[in-house]
Amino acid sequence: MNQYPKLSDQMNQQLLEAREYKLQLWTEYVLFDWHWWLGVILTIGPILVWIMFHKRNERKSLLLAGLTTAILAAAIDTSGQFFGWYDYRYDVPHGSELRSLGLCVNSYFSDVYHSVIQEY
């Protein structure tokens, strides 16, 4: 008899328990630590600098380049975490909790990306 479904369910349960434990540790030890604040600043700071100093007439090409880079970086990052090549000890967003926000942001940038592509 094929035991894969049962073993897969057990593995998924173990992953869920590990994620819950990691969230507990993250909330207790990382959230609002100086490493966390540094991550927040390094995440938001460049965006604010870009908003203040970018050339308005080059906005579409900059957004296209930035979005392409972000998509590539996200794909490499997801692969690296999936294969266990590295782990973030002091990550700012905790993936599963912000996934719905990420989907909203991704759909927004997808719309921006398509509008920029249509104009070129």
N, C-alpha and C. Protein backbone atom coordinates (compact mmCIF):
# COMPACT_ATOMS: atom_id res chain seq x y z
N MET A 1 0.84 -1.19 0.00
CA MET A 1 0.00 0.00 0.00
C MET A 1 0.88 1.25 0.00
N ASN A 2 0.46 2.28 -0.69
CA ASN A 2 1.22 3.51 -0.80
C ASN A 2 1.12 4.32 0.49
N GLN A 3 2.24 4.52 1.14
CA GLN A 3 2.26 5.25 2.42
C GLN A 3 2.59 6.73 2.24
N TYR A 4 2.79 7.15 1.02
CA TYR A 4 3.20 8.54 0.80
C TYR A 4 2.21 9.55 1.38
N PRO A 5 0.90 9.43 1.17
CA PRO A 5 -0.01 10.43 1.73
C PRO A 5 0.11 10.53 3.26
N LYS A 6 0.22 9.42 3.93
CA LYS A 6 0.33 9.44 5.38
C LYS A 6 1.64 10.08 5.82
N LEU A 7 2.74 9.70 5.17
CA LEU A 7 4.04 10.28 5.50
C LEU A 7 4.08 11.77 5.18
N SER A 8 3.46 12.16 4.08
CA SER A 8 3.40 13.57 3.71
C SER A 8 2.61 14.38 4.75
N ASP A 9 1.51 13.84 5.22
CA ASP A 9 0.73 14.51 6.26
C ASP A 9 1.54 14.66 7.55
N GLN A 10 2.30 13.63 7.91
CA GLN A 10 3.14 13.70 9.11
C GLN A 10 4.22 14.77 8.94
N MET A 11 4.83 14.81 7.76
CA MET A 11 5.86 15.81 7.50
C MET A 11 5.28 17.22 7.56
N ASN A 12 4.11 17.42 6.97
CA ASN A 12 3.47 18.73 6.99
C ASN A 12 3.13 19.15 8.41
N GLN A 13 2.71 18.21 9.24
CA GLN A 13 2.41 18.52 10.64
C GLN A 13 3.69 18.94 11.38
N GLN A 14 4.79 18.24 11.12
CA GLN A 14 6.06 18.60 11.74
C GLN A 14 6.53 19.98 11.29
N LEU A 15 6.34 20.28 10.00
CA LEU A 15 6.71 21.60 9.49
C LEU A 15 5.87 22.69 10.15
N LEU A 16 4.58 22.43 10.31
CA LEU A 16 3.70 23.40 10.96
C LEU A 16 4.14 23.65 12.40
N GLU A 17 4.46 22.60 13.12
CA GLU A 17 4.93 22.75 14.50
C GLU A 17 6.25 23.51 14.55
N ALA A 18 7.14 23.23 13.62
CA ALA A 18 8.43 23.94 13.58
C ALA A 18 8.22 25.42 13.28
N ARG A 19 7.31 25.73 12.35
CA ARG A 19 7.04 27.14 12.03
C ARG A 19 6.44 27.87 13.23
N GLU A 20 5.53 27.20 13.92
CA GLU A 20 4.93 27.82 15.11
C GLU A 20 5.98 28.08 16.18
N TYR A 21 6.90 27.14 16.35
CA TYR A 21 7.97 27.30 17.33
C TYR A 21 8.91 28.43 16.91
N LYS A 22 9.23 28.51 15.62
CA LYS A 22 10.09 29.59 15.13
C LYS A 22 9.41 30.94 15.33
N LEU A 23 8.11 31.01 15.08
CA LEU A 23 7.37 32.26 15.30
C LEU A 23 7.42 32.65 16.77
N GLN A 24 7.27 31.69 17.64
CA GLN A 24 7.34 31.97 19.07
C GLN A 24 8.73 32.52 19.44
N LEU A 25 9.78 31.87 18.96
CA LEU A 25 11.14 32.34 19.24
C LEU A 25 11.38 33.71 18.63
N TRP A 26 10.91 33.91 17.41
CA TRP A 26 11.09 35.18 16.71
C TRP A 26 10.40 36.30 17.47
N THR A 27 9.17 36.05 17.93
CA THR A 27 8.43 37.06 18.66
C THR A 27 9.10 37.39 19.99
N GLU A 28 9.63 36.38 20.64
CA GLU A 28 10.23 36.56 21.95
C GLU A 28 11.62 37.19 21.90
N TYR A 29 12.44 36.80 20.92
CA TYR A 29 13.84 37.22 20.93
C TYR A 29 14.24 38.21 19.84
N VAL A 30 13.52 38.25 18.73
CA VAL A 30 13.96 39.05 17.59
C VAL A 30 13.16 40.32 17.43
N LEU A 31 11.84 40.23 17.55
CA LEU A 31 10.95 41.36 17.31
C LEU A 31 11.35 42.54 18.20
N PHE A 32 11.61 43.67 17.61
CA PHE A 32 12.01 44.92 18.26
C PHE A 32 13.42 44.89 18.85
N ASP A 33 14.22 43.89 18.52
CA ASP A 33 15.63 43.86 18.88
C ASP A 33 16.37 44.84 17.97
N TRP A 34 17.59 45.24 18.29
CA TRP A 34 18.29 46.20 17.45
C TRP A 34 18.55 45.64 16.06
N HIS A 35 18.71 44.33 15.94
CA HIS A 35 18.87 43.74 14.60
C HIS A 35 17.61 43.94 13.76
N TRP A 36 16.48 43.79 14.42
CA TRP A 36 15.20 43.95 13.74
C TRP A 36 15.03 45.39 13.28
N TRP A 37 15.36 46.35 14.16
CA TRP A 37 15.25 47.76 13.78
C TRP A 37 16.20 48.11 12.65
N LEU A 38 17.39 47.54 12.66
CA LEU A 38 18.32 47.76 11.56
C LEU A 38 17.73 47.24 10.25
N GLY A 39 17.10 46.08 10.30
CA GLY A 39 16.45 45.54 9.11
C GLY A 39 15.32 46.43 8.60
N VAL A 40 14.55 46.99 9.54
CA VAL A 40 13.47 47.90 9.16
C VAL A 40 14.04 49.14 8.47
N ILE A 41 15.09 49.70 9.06
CA ILE A 41 15.71 50.90 8.48
C ILE A 41 16.30 50.61 7.11
N LEU A 42 16.98 49.46 6.97
CA LEU A 42 17.58 49.11 5.69
C LEU A 42 16.54 48.72 4.64
N THR A 43 15.34 48.40 5.09
CA THR A 43 14.25 48.09 4.15
C THR A 43 13.55 49.36 3.69
N ILE A 44 13.24 50.24 4.62
CA ILE A 44 12.46 51.43 4.31
C ILE A 44 13.33 52.59 3.84
N GLY A 45 14.55 52.69 4.40
CA GLY A 45 15.44 53.81 4.07
C GLY A 45 15.70 53.99 2.59
N PRO A 46 16.13 52.95 1.88
CA PRO A 46 16.39 53.13 0.44
C PRO A 46 15.15 53.53 -0.35
N ILE A 47 13.99 53.08 0.07
CA ILE A 47 12.76 53.46 -0.63
C ILE A 47 12.50 54.96 -0.46
N LEU A 48 12.68 55.45 0.77
CA LEU A 48 12.49 56.88 1.02
C LEU A 48 13.51 57.72 0.27
N VAL A 49 14.77 57.28 0.24
CA VAL A 49 15.81 58.00 -0.50
C VAL A 49 15.46 58.03 -1.98
N TRP A 50 14.99 56.89 -2.51
CA TRP A 50 14.63 56.83 -3.93
C TRP A 50 13.48 57.79 -4.23
N ILE A 51 12.47 57.82 -3.34
CA ILE A 51 11.32 58.70 -3.56
C ILE A 51 11.76 60.16 -3.60
N MET A 52 12.70 60.52 -2.74
CA MET A 52 13.13 61.92 -2.67
C MET A 52 14.03 62.33 -3.84
N PHE A 53 14.87 61.43 -4.33
CA PHE A 53 15.92 61.85 -5.25
C PHE A 53 15.82 61.30 -6.68
N HIS A 54 14.86 60.46 -6.99
CA HIS A 54 14.83 59.91 -8.34
C HIS A 54 14.34 60.96 -9.34
N LYS A 55 14.75 60.77 -10.58
CA LYS A 55 14.32 61.68 -11.63
C LYS A 55 12.91 61.27 -12.07
N ARG A 56 12.01 62.20 -12.00
CA ARG A 56 10.60 61.90 -12.28
C ARG A 56 10.38 61.40 -13.71
N ASN A 57 11.15 61.91 -14.65
CA ASN A 57 10.95 61.50 -16.04
C ASN A 57 11.50 60.10 -16.33
N GLU A 58 12.28 59.54 -15.42
CA GLU A 58 12.80 58.18 -15.59
C GLU A 58 12.11 57.18 -14.67
N ARG A 59 11.00 57.56 -14.10
CA ARG A 59 10.32 56.73 -13.10
C ARG A 59 9.94 55.35 -13.64
N LYS A 60 9.38 55.31 -14.83
CA LYS A 60 8.89 54.03 -15.37
C LYS A 60 10.02 53.04 -15.61
N SER A 61 11.11 53.51 -16.18
CA SER A 61 12.22 52.59 -16.42
C SER A 61 12.86 52.15 -15.11
N LEU A 62 12.94 53.04 -14.14
CA LEU A 62 13.49 52.67 -12.83
C LEU A 62 12.59 51.65 -12.13
N LEU A 63 11.27 51.87 -12.20
CA LEU A 63 10.34 50.91 -11.60
C LEU A 63 10.43 49.55 -12.28
N LEU A 64 10.56 49.56 -13.59
CA LEU A 64 10.69 48.30 -14.32
C LEU A 64 11.97 47.56 -13.93
N ALA A 65 13.07 48.29 -13.86
CA ALA A 65 14.34 47.67 -13.46
C ALA A 65 14.28 47.18 -12.01
N GLY A 66 13.70 47.99 -11.13
CA GLY A 66 13.58 47.59 -9.73
C GLY A 66 12.68 46.40 -9.54
N LEU A 67 11.56 46.37 -10.26
CA LEU A 67 10.64 45.25 -10.14
C LEU A 67 11.26 43.97 -10.68
N THR A 68 11.96 44.06 -11.79
CA THR A 68 12.63 42.89 -12.35
C THR A 68 13.68 42.36 -11.37
N THR A 69 14.44 43.26 -10.78
CA THR A 69 15.45 42.86 -9.80
C THR A 69 14.80 42.24 -8.58
N ALA A 70 13.70 42.82 -8.11
CA ALA A 70 13.01 42.29 -6.93
C ALA A 70 12.45 40.89 -7.20
N ILE A 71 11.92 40.67 -8.38
CA ILE A 71 11.38 39.35 -8.71
C ILE A 71 12.50 38.32 -8.77
N LEU A 72 13.60 38.68 -9.39
CA LEU A 72 14.76 37.77 -9.46
C LEU A 72 15.32 37.48 -8.06
N ALA A 73 15.46 38.51 -7.25
CA ALA A 73 15.97 38.33 -5.89
C ALA A 73 15.03 37.47 -5.05
N ALA A 74 13.73 37.67 -5.21
CA ALA A 74 12.76 36.86 -4.47
C ALA A 74 12.82 35.40 -4.88
N ALA A 75 13.00 35.14 -6.16
CA ALA A 75 13.10 33.76 -6.63
C ALA A 75 14.36 33.08 -6.08
N ILE A 76 15.47 33.78 -6.11
CA ILE A 76 16.72 33.22 -5.59
C ILE A 76 16.62 33.03 -4.08
N ASP A 77 16.03 34.01 -3.40
CA ASP A 77 15.87 33.94 -1.94
C ASP A 77 14.98 32.77 -1.54
N THR A 78 13.87 32.61 -2.22
CA THR A 78 12.95 31.50 -1.92
C THR A 78 13.63 30.16 -2.15
N SER A 79 14.37 30.05 -3.24
CA SER A 79 15.08 28.81 -3.52
C SER A 79 16.12 28.51 -2.45
N GLY A 80 16.87 29.51 -2.05
CA GLY A 80 17.90 29.32 -1.04
C GLY A 80 17.33 28.89 0.30
N GLN A 81 16.21 29.48 0.68
CA GLN A 81 15.57 29.07 1.93
C GLN A 81 14.96 27.68 1.82
N PHE A 82 14.36 27.38 0.68
CA PHE A 82 13.73 26.07 0.50
C PHE A 82 14.75 24.95 0.59
N PHE A 83 15.90 25.13 -0.04
CA PHE A 83 16.93 24.10 -0.04
C PHE A 83 17.80 24.12 1.21
N GLY A 84 17.53 25.07 2.10
CA GLY A 84 18.25 25.12 3.36
C GLY A 84 19.67 25.63 3.24
N TRP A 85 19.95 26.42 2.21
CA TRP A 85 21.29 26.95 2.03
C TRP A 85 21.60 28.02 3.07
N TYR A 86 20.57 28.71 3.56
CA TYR A 86 20.75 29.73 4.58
C TYR A 86 19.42 29.97 5.27
N ASP A 87 19.48 30.72 6.36
CA ASP A 87 18.28 31.05 7.12
C ASP A 87 18.48 32.47 7.67
N TYR A 88 17.39 33.21 7.74
CA TYR A 88 17.47 34.56 8.29
C TYR A 88 17.24 34.48 9.79
N ARG A 89 18.19 34.92 10.55
CA ARG A 89 18.06 34.90 12.01
C ARG A 89 17.25 36.10 12.51
N TYR A 90 17.37 37.23 11.84
CA TYR A 90 16.72 38.46 12.31
C TYR A 90 15.88 39.06 11.20
N ASP A 91 15.04 38.27 10.56
CA ASP A 91 14.25 38.80 9.46
C ASP A 91 13.21 39.80 9.96
N VAL A 92 12.92 40.79 9.13
CA VAL A 92 11.93 41.80 9.49
C VAL A 92 10.53 41.25 9.31
N PRO A 93 10.11 40.87 8.11
CA PRO A 93 8.78 40.26 8.01
C PRO A 93 8.88 38.77 8.25
N HIS A 94 7.87 38.21 8.85
CA HIS A 94 7.83 36.76 9.04
C HIS A 94 6.89 36.23 7.97
N GLY A 95 7.43 35.50 7.02
CA GLY A 95 6.78 35.10 5.78
C GLY A 95 5.33 34.72 5.86
N SER A 96 4.99 33.71 6.66
CA SER A 96 3.62 33.20 6.63
C SER A 96 2.63 34.22 7.16
N GLU A 97 3.06 35.08 8.08
CA GLU A 97 2.13 36.06 8.64
C GLU A 97 1.88 37.22 7.69
N LEU A 98 2.85 37.50 6.82
CA LEU A 98 2.70 38.62 5.89
C LEU A 98 2.40 38.17 4.47
N ARG A 99 2.10 36.91 4.30
CA ARG A 99 1.88 36.40 2.94
C ARG A 99 0.71 37.10 2.26
N SER A 100 -0.40 37.35 3.00
CA SER A 100 -1.54 38.02 2.36
C SER A 100 -1.17 39.44 1.97
N LEU A 101 -0.38 40.13 2.80
CA LEU A 101 0.09 41.46 2.44
C LEU A 101 0.99 41.38 1.22
N GLY A 102 1.84 40.38 1.18
CA GLY A 102 2.73 40.20 0.03
C GLY A 102 1.96 39.97 -1.25
N LEU A 103 0.88 39.21 -1.18
CA LEU A 103 0.07 38.99 -2.37
C LEU A 103 -0.55 40.29 -2.86
N CYS A 104 -0.99 41.13 -1.92
CA CYS A 104 -1.54 42.42 -2.31
C CYS A 104 -0.48 43.29 -2.97
N VAL A 105 0.70 43.35 -2.36
CA VAL A 105 1.79 44.15 -2.92
C VAL A 105 2.21 43.59 -4.27
N ASN A 106 2.31 42.26 -4.38
CA ASN A 106 2.70 41.66 -5.66
C ASN A 106 1.69 41.96 -6.75
N SER A 107 0.40 41.91 -6.42
CA SER A 107 -0.60 42.20 -7.45
C SER A 107 -0.53 43.67 -7.87
N TYR A 108 -0.23 44.56 -6.90
CA TYR A 108 -0.08 45.98 -7.25
C TYR A 108 1.10 46.18 -8.19
N PHE A 109 2.26 45.60 -7.83
CA PHE A 109 3.44 45.76 -8.67
C PHE A 109 3.27 45.04 -10.00
N SER A 110 2.49 43.98 -10.01
CA SER A 110 2.21 43.32 -11.27
C SER A 110 1.43 44.26 -12.20
N ASP A 111 0.47 44.98 -11.64
CA ASP A 111 -0.27 45.96 -12.43
C ASP A 111 0.65 47.06 -12.94
N VAL A 112 1.54 47.55 -12.07
CA VAL A 112 2.49 48.59 -12.49
C VAL A 112 3.38 48.05 -13.60
N TYR A 113 3.88 46.83 -13.41
CA TYR A 113 4.76 46.20 -14.39
C TYR A 113 4.08 46.11 -15.75
N HIS A 114 2.81 45.64 -15.76
CA HIS A 114 2.10 45.49 -17.02
C HIS A 114 1.80 46.84 -17.66
N SER A 115 1.49 47.86 -16.86
CA SER A 115 1.23 49.17 -17.45
C SER A 115 2.51 49.76 -18.05
N VAL A 116 3.65 49.50 -17.40
CA VAL A 116 4.92 50.00 -17.94
C VAL A 116 5.27 49.26 -19.23
N ILE A 117 5.08 47.94 -19.26
CA ILE A 117 5.36 47.16 -20.44
C ILE A 117 4.49 47.59 -21.62
N GLN A 118 3.21 47.89 -21.35
CA GLN A 118 2.31 48.29 -22.42
C GLN A 118 2.74 49.62 -23.06
N GLU A 119 3.35 50.50 -22.26
CA GLU A 119 3.74 51.80 -22.80
C GLU A 119 5.01 51.69 -23.65
N TYR A 120 5.82 50.66 -23.46
CA TYR A 120 7.05 50.53 -24.24
C TYR A 120 6.88 49.70 -25.44
